[in-house]
Protein backbone atom coordinates (compact mmCIF):
# COMPACT_ATOMS: atom_id res chain seq x y z
CA MET A 1 -43.78 -40.83 16.56
CA GLU A 2 -44.09 -41.73 20.21
CA PHE A 3 -40.62 -43.31 20.05
CA LEU A 4 -39.06 -40.04 18.83
CA GLN A 5 -40.86 -38.07 21.54
CA GLN A 6 -39.50 -40.42 24.26
CA ASN A 7 -36.03 -40.57 22.75
CA TRP A 8 -35.64 -37.13 21.32
CA HIS A 9 -32.08 -36.76 22.64
CA TRP A 10 -30.89 -39.85 20.65
CA ALA A 11 -32.63 -38.50 17.54
CA ALA A 12 -30.95 -35.14 18.00
CA LEU A 13 -27.62 -36.86 18.42
CA ALA A 14 -28.13 -38.82 15.25
CA VAL A 15 -29.03 -35.70 13.27
CA ALA A 16 -26.02 -33.79 14.63
CA SER A 17 -23.67 -36.66 13.80
CA GLY A 18 -25.05 -36.96 10.25
CA SER A 19 -24.76 -33.23 9.76
CA MET A 20 -21.05 -33.35 10.71
CA LEU A 21 -20.42 -36.10 8.16
CA VAL A 22 -22.20 -34.23 5.39
CA PHE A 23 -20.31 -31.05 6.27
CA GLN A 24 -16.99 -32.89 5.88
CA LEU A 25 -18.03 -34.23 2.50
CA VAL A 26 -19.21 -30.88 1.25
CA LYS A 27 -16.20 -28.99 2.65
CA GLY A 28 -13.78 -31.24 0.80
CA ARG A 29 -10.10 -30.79 1.33
CA SER A 30 -7.59 -28.08 0.70
CA PRO A 31 -5.65 -28.08 -2.60
CA ASP A 32 -2.51 -27.81 -0.43
CA GLU A 33 -3.18 -31.26 1.09
CA LEU A 34 -1.75 -34.45 -0.36
CA ASN A 35 -2.67 -37.97 0.59
CA PRO A 36 0.19 -40.56 0.74
CA VAL A 37 -0.27 -41.69 -2.87
CA GLU A 38 -0.31 -38.12 -4.20
CA ALA A 39 2.80 -37.33 -2.12
CA THR A 40 4.58 -40.36 -3.53
CA LEU A 41 3.75 -39.31 -7.08
CA LYS A 42 4.99 -35.78 -6.42
CA ILE A 43 8.25 -37.15 -4.93
CA ASN A 44 8.82 -39.50 -7.84
CA ARG A 45 7.68 -37.29 -10.72
CA GLU A 46 8.64 -33.80 -9.54
CA ASP A 47 11.57 -34.59 -7.24
CA ALA A 48 9.70 -33.02 -4.35
CA LEU A 49 11.60 -32.49 -1.11
CA VAL A 50 10.00 -33.90 2.04
CA ILE A 51 10.41 -31.77 5.16
CA ASP A 52 9.58 -33.44 8.45
CA VAL A 53 8.67 -30.76 11.01
CA ARG A 54 8.55 -33.07 14.01
CA THR A 55 11.17 -33.00 16.77
CA SER A 56 14.47 -34.83 16.26
CA ASP A 57 13.37 -37.57 18.69
CA GLU A 58 10.20 -38.23 16.74
CA TYR A 59 12.06 -38.17 13.45
CA VAL A 60 14.60 -40.86 14.39
CA LYS A 61 11.81 -43.25 15.44
CA GLY A 62 10.49 -43.32 11.88
CA HIS A 63 10.35 -40.88 8.95
CA ILE A 64 9.68 -40.83 5.20
CA PRO A 65 12.81 -42.02 3.37
CA ASN A 66 15.08 -39.11 2.40
CA ALA A 67 13.06 -36.58 4.43
CA ARG A 68 14.91 -33.66 5.95
CA ASN A 69 14.17 -32.88 9.54
CA VAL A 70 13.53 -29.21 10.26
CA PRO A 71 11.58 -28.94 13.53
CA LEU A 72 8.67 -26.52 13.38
CA GLY A 73 10.44 -24.14 15.78
CA ASP A 74 13.39 -23.81 13.38
CA LEU A 75 11.35 -23.55 10.19
CA GLU A 76 11.00 -19.76 9.96
CA LYS A 77 14.75 -19.08 10.22
CA ARG A 78 15.65 -21.90 7.77
CA SER A 79 12.87 -21.12 5.28
CA ALA A 80 15.20 -19.33 2.83
CA GLU A 81 17.39 -22.38 2.38
CA LEU A 82 14.38 -24.65 1.82
CA ILE A 83 12.67 -22.55 -0.87
CA LYS A 84 15.84 -21.54 -2.81
CA ASP A 85 15.82 -24.67 -5.06
CA SER A 86 12.18 -24.01 -6.18
CA LYS A 87 11.48 -27.73 -5.81
CA PRO A 88 8.02 -28.65 -4.54
CA LEU A 89 8.02 -29.07 -0.81
CA ILE A 90 5.98 -31.63 1.10
CA LEU A 91 5.68 -30.97 4.80
CA CYS A 92 4.86 -33.78 7.20
CA CYS A 93 4.42 -34.32 10.93
CA ALA A 94 2.76 -37.00 13.08
CA THR A 95 -0.91 -36.17 12.23
CA GLY A 96 -0.88 -33.24 9.80
CA ALA A 97 -1.54 -30.51 12.40
CA ARG A 98 1.98 -29.12 12.68
CA SER A 99 2.65 -29.43 8.97
CA SER A 100 -0.44 -27.31 8.17
CA VAL A 101 1.02 -24.58 10.44
CA ALA A 102 4.37 -25.02 8.71
CA LEU A 103 2.67 -24.57 5.34
CA GLY A 104 1.53 -21.10 6.37
CA THR A 105 5.03 -20.24 7.59
CA LEU A 106 6.59 -21.17 4.25
CA ARG A 107 3.91 -19.43 2.24
CA LYS A 108 4.62 -16.23 4.15
CA ALA A 109 8.33 -16.71 3.35
CA GLY A 110 7.52 -16.84 -0.38
CA ALA A 111 7.24 -20.60 -1.13
CA GLU A 112 4.85 -21.24 -3.96
CA SER A 113 4.86 -24.99 -4.48
CA VAL A 114 4.36 -26.18 -0.94
CA PHE A 115 2.01 -28.95 0.33
CA HIS A 116 1.41 -30.89 3.46
CA LEU A 117 0.75 -34.55 4.03
CA ALA A 118 -2.85 -34.91 5.22
CA GLY A 119 -2.95 -37.23 8.21
CA GLY A 120 0.88 -37.05 8.56
CA ILE A 121 3.10 -40.02 9.21
CA GLN A 122 0.14 -41.90 10.63
CA ALA A 123 -1.63 -41.75 7.25
CA TRP A 124 1.63 -42.64 5.50
CA GLU A 125 1.97 -45.78 7.61
CA ARG A 126 -1.73 -46.75 7.20
CA ALA A 127 -1.22 -46.50 3.40
CA GLY A 128 1.54 -49.10 3.69
CA GLN A 129 4.35 -46.72 2.73
CA PRO A 130 7.86 -47.37 4.05
CA LEU A 131 9.47 -45.55 6.95
CA ALA A 132 13.15 -45.13 7.53
CA LYS A 133 14.58 -45.13 11.05
CA GLY A 134 17.75 -43.73 12.43
CA LYS A 135 19.87 -40.64 12.33
CA LYS A 136 18.78 -37.14 11.45
CA LYS A 137 19.28 -35.98 7.87
CA LYS A 138 20.10 -32.24 7.76
């Protein structure tokens, strides 16, 4: 007990850290998020269209094969063309932050079957999935 009294700040830090981990476990993840394996299955089984919302410069350095590049700034004005086919859409970016914003944009535009890649291209690479490099696919 004397140890805890002398090192209360370390004990408080340990409790706070543990609480954050438990919160993340309890919170779970959104049904709109796909991990790389789930995204691959949706691409292969449902012919999902991958939309990369990063900049053109980021896209040419490495992207999911057959992904279309529609930078986040252009997404709202191009939303009608993306949702017209009623194919599932998988949005991706570098880390998943921009694609979650893009998800809201497409939902407001009327897209029903839209998802985003949790962890983005970084998670895709960590999962050992292939990346294509080169020119922009419109």
